Amino acid sequence: MLRVLLVIVGVLLAPPAVFFGGVALGVLEHGYGWSEMDWNSDGWTSFGEVMDAADIGKRGAVVCQRICTEYFAYKDGLPVRTDCPPP
């Protein structure tokens, strides 16, 4: 009976685990690290921020004659955040 229960639990939990694992791996292939995914700048990257990063890309941008990093939404190309080095 315990074996049947474990199989049922495993079958129910496998699809969400595969989905979220695939999203996490896809996020890591975007070319930026965990600290860059800290969208609210609170010092740590939450699971929600990692999920948000699945829809955000990274590109170079020039702002006030400085080379910066711009993070943009894939859905419309609008910037989400721009990080520039200190002058």
PDB file of N, CA and C in Angstrom:
ATOM      1  N   MET A   1       0.821  -1.197   0.000  1.00  0.00           N
ATOM      2  CA  MET A   1       0.000   0.000   0.000  1.00  0.00           C
ATOM      3  C   MET A   1       0.867   1.264   0.000  1.00  0.00           C
ATOM      4  N   LEU A   2       1.956   1.248   0.760  1.00  0.00           N
ATOM      5  CA  LEU A   2       2.856   2.398   0.813  1.00  0.00           C
ATOM      6  C   LEU A   2       3.501   2.643  -0.547  1.00  0.00           C
ATOM      7  N   ARG A   3       3.830   1.575  -1.244  1.00  0.00           N
ATOM      8  CA  ARG A   3       4.437   1.697  -2.568  1.00  0.00           C
ATOM      9  C   ARG A   3       3.473   2.373  -3.546  1.00  0.00           C
ATOM     10  N   VAL A   4       2.211   2.018  -3.500  1.00  0.00           N
ATOM     11  CA  VAL A   4       1.207   2.612  -4.382  1.00  0.00           C
ATOM     12  C   VAL A   4       1.059   4.101  -4.074  1.00  0.00           C
ATOM     13  N   LEU A   5       1.039   4.437  -2.802  1.00  0.00           N
ATOM     14  CA  LEU A   5       0.935   5.838  -2.410  1.00  0.00           C
ATOM     15  C   LEU A   5       2.139   6.638  -2.893  1.00  0.00           C
ATOM     16  N   LEU A   6       3.338   6.096  -2.764  1.00  0.00           N
ATOM     17  CA  LEU A   6       4.543   6.783  -3.240  1.00  0.00           C
ATOM     18  C   LEU A   6       4.527   6.958  -4.752  1.00  0.00           C
ATOM     19  N   VAL A   7       4.049   5.977  -5.475  1.00  0.00           N
ATOM     20  CA  VAL A   7       3.955   6.097  -6.932  1.00  0.00           C
ATOM     21  C   VAL A   7       2.964   7.191  -7.311  1.00  0.00           C
ATOM     22  N   ILE A   8       1.835   7.240  -6.626  1.00  0.00           N
ATOM     23  CA  ILE A   8       0.831   8.273  -6.919  1.00  0.00           C
ATOM     24  C   ILE A   8       1.395   9.660  -6.641  1.00  0.00           C
ATOM     25  N   VAL A   9       2.062   9.832  -5.515  1.00  0.00           N
ATOM     26  CA  VAL A   9       2.655  11.128  -5.175  1.00  0.00           C
ATOM     27  C   VAL A   9       3.731  11.493  -6.196  1.00  0.00           C
ATOM     28  N   GLY A  10       4.543  10.521  -6.584  1.00  0.00           N
ATOM     29  CA  GLY A  10       5.584  10.772  -7.581  1.00  0.00           C
ATOM     30  C   GLY A  10       5.016  11.185  -8.925  1.00  0.00           C
ATOM     31  N   VAL A  11       3.941  10.538  -9.337  1.00  0.00           N
ATOM     32  CA  VAL A  11       3.304  10.875 -10.616  1.00  0.00           C
ATOM     33  C   VAL A  11       2.700  12.275 -10.555  1.00  0.00           C
ATOM     34  N   LEU A  12       2.165  12.674  -9.426  1.00  0.00           N
ATOM     35  CA  LEU A  12       1.563  13.998  -9.299  1.00  0.00           C
ATOM     36  C   LEU A  12       2.605  15.110  -9.211  1.00  0.00           C
ATOM     37  N   LEU A  13       3.746  14.825  -8.604  1.00  0.00           N
ATOM     38  CA  LEU A  13       4.767  15.859  -8.416  1.00  0.00           C
ATOM     39  C   LEU A  13       5.768  15.958  -9.562  1.00  0.00           C
ATOM     40  N   ALA A  14       5.869  14.941 -10.381  1.00  0.00           N
ATOM     41  CA  ALA A  14       6.864  14.945 -11.457  1.00  0.00           C
ATOM     42  C   ALA A  14       6.620  16.049 -12.500  1.00  0.00           C
ATOM     43  N   PRO A  15       5.414  16.233 -13.022  1.00  0.00           N
ATOM     44  CA  PRO A  15       5.234  17.283 -14.043  1.00  0.00           C
ATOM     45  C   PRO A  15       5.580  18.696 -13.560  1.00  0.00           C
ATOM     46  N   PRO A  16       5.128  19.131 -12.363  1.00  0.00           N
ATOM     47  CA  PRO A  16       5.535  20.471 -11.926  1.00  0.00           C
ATOM     48  C   PRO A  16       7.042  20.576 -11.704  1.00  0.00           C
ATOM     49  N   ALA A  17       7.661  19.527 -11.196  1.00  0.00           N
ATOM     50  CA  ALA A  17       9.107  19.561 -10.969  1.00  0.00           C
ATOM     51  C   ALA A  17       9.863  19.679 -12.283  1.00  0.00           C
ATOM     52  N   VAL A  18       9.417  18.956 -13.289  1.00  0.00           N
ATOM     53  CA  VAL A  18      10.063  19.036 -14.605  1.00  0.00           C
ATOM     54  C   VAL A  18       9.850  20.419 -15.218  1.00  0.00           C
ATOM     55  N   PHE A  19       8.646  20.962 -15.088  1.00  0.00           N
ATOM     56  CA  PHE A  19       8.353  22.288 -15.647  1.00  0.00           C
ATOM     57  C   PHE A  19       9.225  23.365 -15.003  1.00  0.00           C
ATOM     58  N   PHE A  20       9.203  23.439 -13.670  1.00  0.00           N
ATOM     59  CA  PHE A  20       9.968  24.484 -12.989  1.00  0.00           C
ATOM     60  C   PHE A  20      11.469  24.273 -13.151  1.00  0.00           C
ATOM     61  N   GLY A  21      11.906  23.041 -13.218  1.00  0.00           N
ATOM     62  CA  GLY A  21      13.323  22.773 -13.486  1.00  0.00           C
ATOM     63  C   GLY A  21      13.718  23.238 -14.872  1.00  0.00           C
ATOM     64  N   GLY A  22      12.854  23.012 -15.852  1.00  0.00           N
ATOM     65  CA  GLY A  22      13.123  23.488 -17.208  1.00  0.00           C
ATOM     66  C   GLY A  22      13.158  24.998 -17.292  1.00  0.00           C
ATOM     67  N   VAL A  23      12.249  25.659 -16.583  1.00  0.00           N
ATOM     68  CA  VAL A  23      12.249  27.129 -16.562  1.00  0.00           C
ATOM     69  C   VAL A  23      13.531  27.642 -15.921  1.00  0.00           C
ATOM     70  N   ALA A  24      13.941  27.041 -14.806  1.00  0.00           N
ATOM     71  CA  ALA A  24      15.164  27.474 -14.125  1.00  0.00           C
ATOM     72  C   ALA A  24      16.386  27.278 -15.017  1.00  0.00           C
ATOM     73  N   LEU A  25      16.468  26.162 -15.712  1.00  0.00           N
ATOM     74  CA  LEU A  25      17.595  25.950 -16.620  1.00  0.00           C
ATOM     75  C   LEU A  25      17.556  26.926 -17.789  1.00  0.00           C
ATOM     76  N   GLY A  26      16.372  27.217 -18.287  1.00  0.00           N
ATOM     77  CA  GLY A  26      16.242  28.186 -19.366  1.00  0.00           C
ATOM     78  C   GLY A  26      16.670  29.574 -18.945  1.00  0.00           C
ATOM     79  N   VAL A  27      16.346  29.937 -17.720  1.00  0.00           N
ATOM     80  CA  VAL A  27      16.746  31.245 -17.194  1.00  0.00           C
ATOM     81  C   VAL A  27      18.258  31.344 -17.115  1.00  0.00           C
ATOM     82  N   LEU A  28      18.907  30.285 -16.693  1.00  0.00           N
ATOM     83  CA  LEU A  28      20.358  30.317 -16.573  1.00  0.00           C
ATOM     84  C   LEU A  28      21.038  30.446 -17.927  1.00  0.00           C
ATOM     85  N   GLU A  29      20.369  30.070 -18.998  1.00  0.00           N
ATOM     86  CA  GLU A  29      20.936  30.198 -20.330  1.00  0.00           C
ATOM     87  C   GLU A  29      20.780  31.603 -20.908  1.00  0.00           C
ATOM     88  N   HIS A  30      20.101  32.515 -20.210  1.00  0.00           N
ATOM     89  CA  HIS A  30      19.929  33.876 -20.699  1.00  0.00           C
ATOM     90  C   HIS A  30      21.214  34.685 -20.631  1.00  0.00           C
ATOM     91  N   GLY A  31      22.206  34.210 -19.906  1.00  0.00           N
ATOM     92  CA  GLY A  31      23.483  34.890 -19.886  1.00  0.00           C
ATOM     93  C   GLY A  31      23.702  35.817 -18.701  1.00  0.00           C
ATOM     94  N   TYR A  32      22.884  35.717 -17.692  1.00  0.00           N
ATOM     95  CA  TYR A  32      23.150  36.509 -16.493  1.00  0.00           C
ATOM     96  C   TYR A  32      22.946  35.654 -15.258  1.00  0.00           C
ATOM     97  N   GLY A  33      23.604  36.080 -14.165  1.00  0.00           N
ATOM     98  CA  GLY A  33      23.647  35.266 -12.961  1.00  0.00           C
ATOM     99  C   GLY A  33      22.526  35.548 -11.984  1.00  0.00           C
ATOM    100  N   TRP A  34      22.566  34.807 -10.870  1.00  0.00           N
ATOM    101  CA  TRP A  34      21.529  34.914  -9.839  1.00  0.00           C
ATOM    102  C   TRP A  34      21.442  36.329  -9.274  1.00  0.00           C
ATOM    103  N   SER A  35      22.590  36.974  -9.036  1.00  0.00           N
ATOM    104  CA  SER A  35      22.552  38.311  -8.440  1.00  0.00           C
ATOM    105  C   SER A  35      21.914  39.325  -9.388  1.00  0.00           C
ATOM    106  N   GLU A  36      22.031  39.113 -10.685  1.00  0.00           N
ATOM    107  CA  GLU A  36      21.411  40.019 -11.643  1.00  0.00           C
ATOM    108  C   GLU A  36      19.899  39.839 -11.699  1.00  0.00           C
ATOM    109  N   MET A  37      19.405  38.706 -11.232  1.00  0.00           N
ATOM    110  CA  MET A  37      17.964  38.453 -11.224  1.00  0.00           C
ATOM    111  C   MET A  37      17.270  39.050 -10.004  1.00  0.00           C
ATOM    112  N   ASP A  38      17.991  39.712  -9.148  1.00  0.00           N
ATOM    113  CA  ASP A  38      17.412  40.348  -7.963  1.00  0.00           C
ATOM    114  C   ASP A  38      16.733  41.647  -8.401  1.00  0.00           C
ATOM    115  N   TRP A  39      15.542  41.543  -8.958  1.00  0.00           N
ATOM    116  CA  TRP A  39      14.883  42.683  -9.591  1.00  0.00           C
ATOM    117  C   TRP A  39      14.476  43.763  -8.603  1.00  0.00           C
ATOM    118  N   ASN A  40      14.203  43.409  -7.354  1.00  0.00           N
ATOM    119  CA  ASN A  40      13.816  44.428  -6.381  1.00  0.00           C
ATOM    120  C   ASN A  40      14.980  44.898  -5.512  1.00  0.00           C
ATOM    121  N   SER A  41      16.197  44.418  -5.778  1.00  0.00           N
ATOM    122  CA  SER A  41      17.436  44.844  -5.098  1.00  0.00           C
ATOM    123  C   SER A  41      17.360  44.707  -3.584  1.00  0.00           C
ATOM    124  N   ASP A  42      16.776  43.595  -3.107  1.00  0.00           N
ATOM    125  CA  ASP A  42      16.700  43.376  -1.664  1.00  0.00           C
ATOM    126  C   ASP A  42      17.850  42.517  -1.145  1.00  0.00           C
ATOM    127  N   GLY A  43      18.763  42.109  -2.011  1.00  0.00           N
ATOM    128  CA  GLY A  43      19.930  41.373  -1.560  1.00  0.00           C
ATOM    129  C   GLY A  43      19.883  39.878  -1.800  1.00  0.00           C
ATOM    130  N   TRP A  44      18.729  39.331  -2.186  1.00  0.00           N
ATOM    131  CA  TRP A  44      18.668  37.910  -2.501  1.00  0.00           C
ATOM    132  C   TRP A  44      17.635  37.684  -3.602  1.00  0.00           C
ATOM    133  N   THR A  45      17.838  36.620  -4.344  1.00  0.00           N
ATOM    134  CA  THR A  45      16.985  36.310  -5.490  1.00  0.00           C
ATOM    135  C   THR A  45      15.943  35.286  -5.083  1.00  0.00           C
ATOM    136  N   SER A  46      14.686  35.674  -5.128  1.00  0.00           N
ATOM    137  CA  SER A  46      13.602  34.780  -4.744  1.00  0.00           C
ATOM    138  C   SER A  46      13.182  33.915  -5.935  1.00  0.00           C
ATOM    139  N   PHE A  47      12.384  32.893  -5.663  1.00  0.00           N
ATOM    140  CA  PHE A  47      11.892  32.023  -6.719  1.00  0.00           C
ATOM    141  C   PHE A  47      11.047  32.811  -7.721  1.00  0.00           C
ATOM    142  N   GLY A  48      10.263  33.757  -7.228  1.00  0.00           N
ATOM    143  CA  GLY A  48       9.443  34.586  -8.115  1.00  0.00           C
ATOM    144  C   GLY A  48      10.285  35.423  -9.056  1.00  0.00           C
ATOM    145  N   GLU A  49      11.409  35.929  -8.570  1.00  0.00           N
ATOM    146  CA  GLU A  49      12.295  36.712  -9.423  1.00  0.00           C
ATOM    147  C   GLU A  49      12.950  35.841 -10.488  1.00  0.00           C
ATOM    148  N   VAL A  50      13.265  34.607 -10.130  1.00  0.00           N
ATOM    149  CA  VAL A  50      13.809  33.682 -11.122  1.00  0.00           C
ATOM    150  C   VAL A  50      12.763  33.398 -12.189  1.00  0.00           C
ATOM    151  N   MET A  51      11.517  33.213 -11.793  1.00  0.00           N
ATOM    152  CA  MET A  51      10.452  32.974 -12.756  1.00  0.00           C
ATOM    153  C   MET A  51      10.234  34.208 -13.643  1.00  0.00           C
ATOM    154  N   ASP A  52      10.332  35.399 -13.063  1.00  0.00           N
ATOM    155  CA  ASP A  52      10.211  36.622 -13.860  1.00  0.00           C
ATOM    156  C   ASP A  52      11.337  36.731 -14.876  1.00  0.00           C
ATOM    157  N   ALA A  53      12.530  36.244 -14.525  1.00  0.00           N
ATOM    158  CA  ALA A  53      13.685  36.345 -15.407  1.00  0.00           C
ATOM    159  C   ALA A  53      13.524  35.512 -16.668  1.00  0.00           C
ATOM    160  N   ALA A  54      12.588  34.580 -16.678  1.00  0.00           N
ATOM    161  CA  ALA A  54      12.365  33.762 -17.868  1.00  0.00           C
ATOM    162  C   ALA A  54      11.890  34.616 -19.040  1.00  0.00           C
ATOM    163  N   ASP A  55      11.287  35.761 -18.768  1.00  0.00           N
ATOM    164  CA  ASP A  55      10.758  36.633 -19.815  1.00  0.00           C
ATOM    165  C   ASP A  55      11.582  37.902 -19.997  1.00  0.00           C
ATOM    166  N   ILE A  56      12.813  37.916 -19.497  1.00  0.00           N
ATOM    167  CA  ILE A  56      13.639  39.117 -19.554  1.00  0.00           C
ATOM    168  C   ILE A  56      14.974  38.785 -20.200  1.00  0.00           C
ATOM    169  N   GLY A  57      15.368  39.605 -21.175  1.00  0.00           N
ATOM    170  CA  GLY A  57      16.635  39.427 -21.864  1.00  0.00           C
ATOM    171  C   GLY A  57      17.632  40.492 -21.449  1.00  0.00           C
ATOM    172  N   LYS A  58      18.849  40.363 -21.948  1.00  0.00           N
ATOM    173  CA  LYS A  58      19.940  41.270 -21.580  1.00  0.00           C
ATOM    174  C   LYS A  58      20.607  41.767 -22.860  1.00  0.00           C
ATOM    175  N   ARG A  59      20.883  43.077 -22.908  1.00  0.00           N
ATOM    176  CA  ARG A  59      21.574  43.643 -24.058  1.00  0.00           C
ATOM    177  C   ARG A  59      22.383  44.855 -23.622  1.00  0.00           C
ATOM    178  N   GLY A  60      23.310  45.240 -24.430  1.00  0.00           N
ATOM    179  CA  GLY A  60      24.120  46.422 -24.153  1.00  0.00           C
ATOM    180  C   GLY A  60      23.367  47.683 -24.551  1.00  0.00           C
ATOM    181  N   ALA A  61      23.662  48.775 -23.867  1.00  0.00           N
ATOM    182  CA  ALA A  61      23.032  50.060 -24.175  1.00  0.00           C
ATOM    183  C   ALA A  61      24.018  51.174 -23.835  1.00  0.00           C
ATOM    184  N   VAL A  62      23.887  52.291 -24.527  1.00  0.00           N
ATOM    185  CA  VAL A  62      24.719  53.458 -24.254  1.00  0.00           C
ATOM    186  C   VAL A  62      23.826  54.523 -23.637  1.00  0.00           C
ATOM    187  N   VAL A  63      24.186  54.933 -22.412  1.00  0.00           N
ATOM    188  CA  VAL A  63      23.433  55.952 -21.688  1.00  0.00           C
ATOM    189  C   VAL A  63      24.416  57.015 -21.233  1.00  0.00           C
ATOM    190  N   CYS A  64      24.221  58.246 -21.677  1.00  0.00           N
ATOM    191  CA  CYS A  64      25.102  59.361 -21.312  1.00  0.00           C
ATOM    192  C   CYS A  64      26.562  59.022 -21.593  1.00  0.00           C
ATOM    193  N   GLN A  65      26.828  58.491 -22.749  1.00  0.00           N
ATOM    194  CA  GLN A  65      28.161  58.132 -23.216  1.00  0.00           C
ATOM    195  C   GLN A  65      28.847  57.080 -22.345  1.00  0.00           C
ATOM    196  N   ARG A  66      28.072  56.283 -21.626  1.00  0.00           N
ATOM    197  CA  ARG A  66      28.604  55.157 -20.849  1.00  0.00           C
ATOM    198  C   ARG A  66      27.990  53.873 -21.376  1.00  0.00           C
ATOM    199  N   ILE A  67      28.773  52.813 -21.373  1.00  0.00           N
ATOM    200  CA  ILE A  67      28.268  51.519 -21.805  1.00  0.00           C
ATOM    201  C   ILE A  67      27.604  50.845 -20.608  1.00  0.00           C
ATOM    202  N   CYS A  68      26.319  50.561 -20.748  1.00  0.00           N
ATOM    203  CA  CYS A  68      25.517  50.009 -19.664  1.00  0.00           C
ATOM    204  C   CYS A  68      24.921  48.668 -20.096  1.00  0.00           C
ATOM    205  N   THR A  69      24.321  48.000 -19.143  1.00  0.00           N
ATOM    206  CA  THR A  69      23.600  46.761 -19.399  1.00  0.00           C
ATOM    207  C   THR A  69      22.122  47.030 -19.208  1.00  0.00           C
ATOM    208  N   GLU A  70      21.348  46.706 -20.245  1.00  0.00           N
ATOM    209  CA  GLU A  70      19.908  46.929 -20.190  1.00  0.00           C
ATOM    210  C   GLU A  70      19.196  45.581 -20.182  1.00  0.00           C
ATOM    211  N   TYR A  71      18.257  45.422 -19.278  1.00  0.00           N
ATOM    212  CA  TYR A  71      17.419  44.230 -19.207  1.00  0.00           C
ATOM    213  C   TYR A  71      16.059  44.614 -19.771  1.00  0.00           C
ATOM    214  N   PHE A  72      15.547  43.802 -20.697  1.00  0.00           N
ATOM    215  CA  PHE A  72      14.325  44.162 -21.402  1.00  0.00           C
ATOM    216  C   PHE A  72      13.335  43.003 -21.396  1.00  0.00           C
ATOM    217  N   ALA A  73      12.068  43.334 -21.521  1.00  0.00           N
ATOM    218  CA  ALA A  73      11.006  42.332 -21.575  1.00  0.00           C
ATOM    219  C   ALA A  73      10.928  41.774 -22.989  1.00  0.00           C
ATOM    220  N   TYR A  74      10.879  40.451 -23.099  1.00  0.00           N
ATOM    221  CA  TYR A  74      10.773  39.827 -24.407  1.00  0.00           C
ATOM    222  C   TYR A  74       9.455  40.149 -25.100  1.00  0.00           C
ATOM    223  N   LYS A  75       8.398  40.361 -24.325  1.00  0.00           N
ATOM    224  CA  LYS A  75       7.078  40.536 -24.936  1.00  0.00           C
ATOM    225  C   LYS A  75       6.968  41.809 -25.763  1.00  0.00           C
ATOM    226  N   ASP A  76       7.656  42.887 -25.353  1.00  0.00           N
ATOM    227  CA  ASP A  76       7.528  44.135 -26.094  1.00  0.00           C
ATOM    228  C   ASP A  76       8.861  44.850 -26.336  1.00  0.00           C
ATOM    229  N   GLY A  77       9.957  44.334 -25.783  1.00  0.00           N
ATOM    230  CA  GLY A  77      11.264  44.935 -25.997  1.00  0.00           C
ATOM    231  C   GLY A  77      11.545  46.153 -25.144  1.00  0.00           C
ATOM    232  N   LEU A  78      10.623  46.517 -24.274  1.00  0.00           N
ATOM    233  CA  LEU A  78      10.818  47.695 -23.424  1.00  0.00           C
ATOM    234  C   LEU A  78      11.773  47.379 -22.276  1.00  0.00           C
ATOM    235  N   PRO A  79      12.602  48.353 -21.894  1.00  0.00           N
ATOM    236  CA  PRO A  79      13.551  48.110 -20.806  1.00  0.00           C
ATOM    237  C   PRO A  79      12.858  47.912 -19.461  1.00  0.00           C
ATOM    238  N   VAL A  80      13.398  46.968 -18.686  1.00  0.00           N
ATOM    239  CA  VAL A  80      12.911  46.699 -17.339  1.00  0.00           C
ATOM    240  C   VAL A  80      13.828  47.383 -16.336  1.00  0.00           C
ATOM    241  N   ARG A  81      15.136  47.301 -16.607  1.00  0.00           N
ATOM    242  CA  ARG A  81      16.129  47.896 -15.710  1.00  0.00           C
ATOM    243  C   ARG A  81      17.391  48.164 -16.522  1.00  0.00           C
ATOM    244  N   THR A  82      18.094  49.239 -16.176  1.00  0.00           N
ATOM    245  CA  THR A  82      19.363  49.565 -16.809  1.00  0.00           C
ATOM    246  C   THR A  82      20.408  49.729 -15.712  1.00  0.00           C
ATOM    247  N   ASP A  83      21.492  48.965 -15.824  1.00  0.00           N
ATOM    248  CA  ASP A  83      22.596  49.044 -14.866  1.00  0.00           C
ATOM    249  C   ASP A  83      23.796  49.681 -15.554  1.00  0.00           C
ATOM    250  N   CYS A  84      24.282  50.784 -14.970  1.00  0.00           N
ATOM    251  CA  CYS A  84      25.445  51.486 -15.508  1.00  0.00           C
ATOM    252  C   CYS A  84      26.557  51.481 -14.467  1.00  0.00           C
ATOM    253  N   PRO A  85      27.815  51.394 -14.926  1.00  0.00           N
ATOM    254  CA  PRO A  85      28.927  51.491 -13.976  1.00  0.00           C
ATOM    255  C   PRO A  85      29.014  52.912 -13.437  1.00  0.00           C
ATOM    256  N   PRO A  86      29.567  53.068 -12.244  1.00  0.00           N
ATOM    257  CA  PRO A  86      29.701  54.421 -11.700  1.00  0.00           C
ATOM    258  C   PRO A  86      30.650  55.243 -12.568  1.00  0.00           C
ATOM    259  N   PRO A  87      30.401  56.534 -12.663  1.00  0.00           N
ATOM    260  CA  PRO A  87      31.257  57.400 -13.508  1.00  0.00           C
ATOM    261  C   PRO A  87      32.653  57.541 -12.970  1.00  0.00           C
TER     262      PRO A  87
END
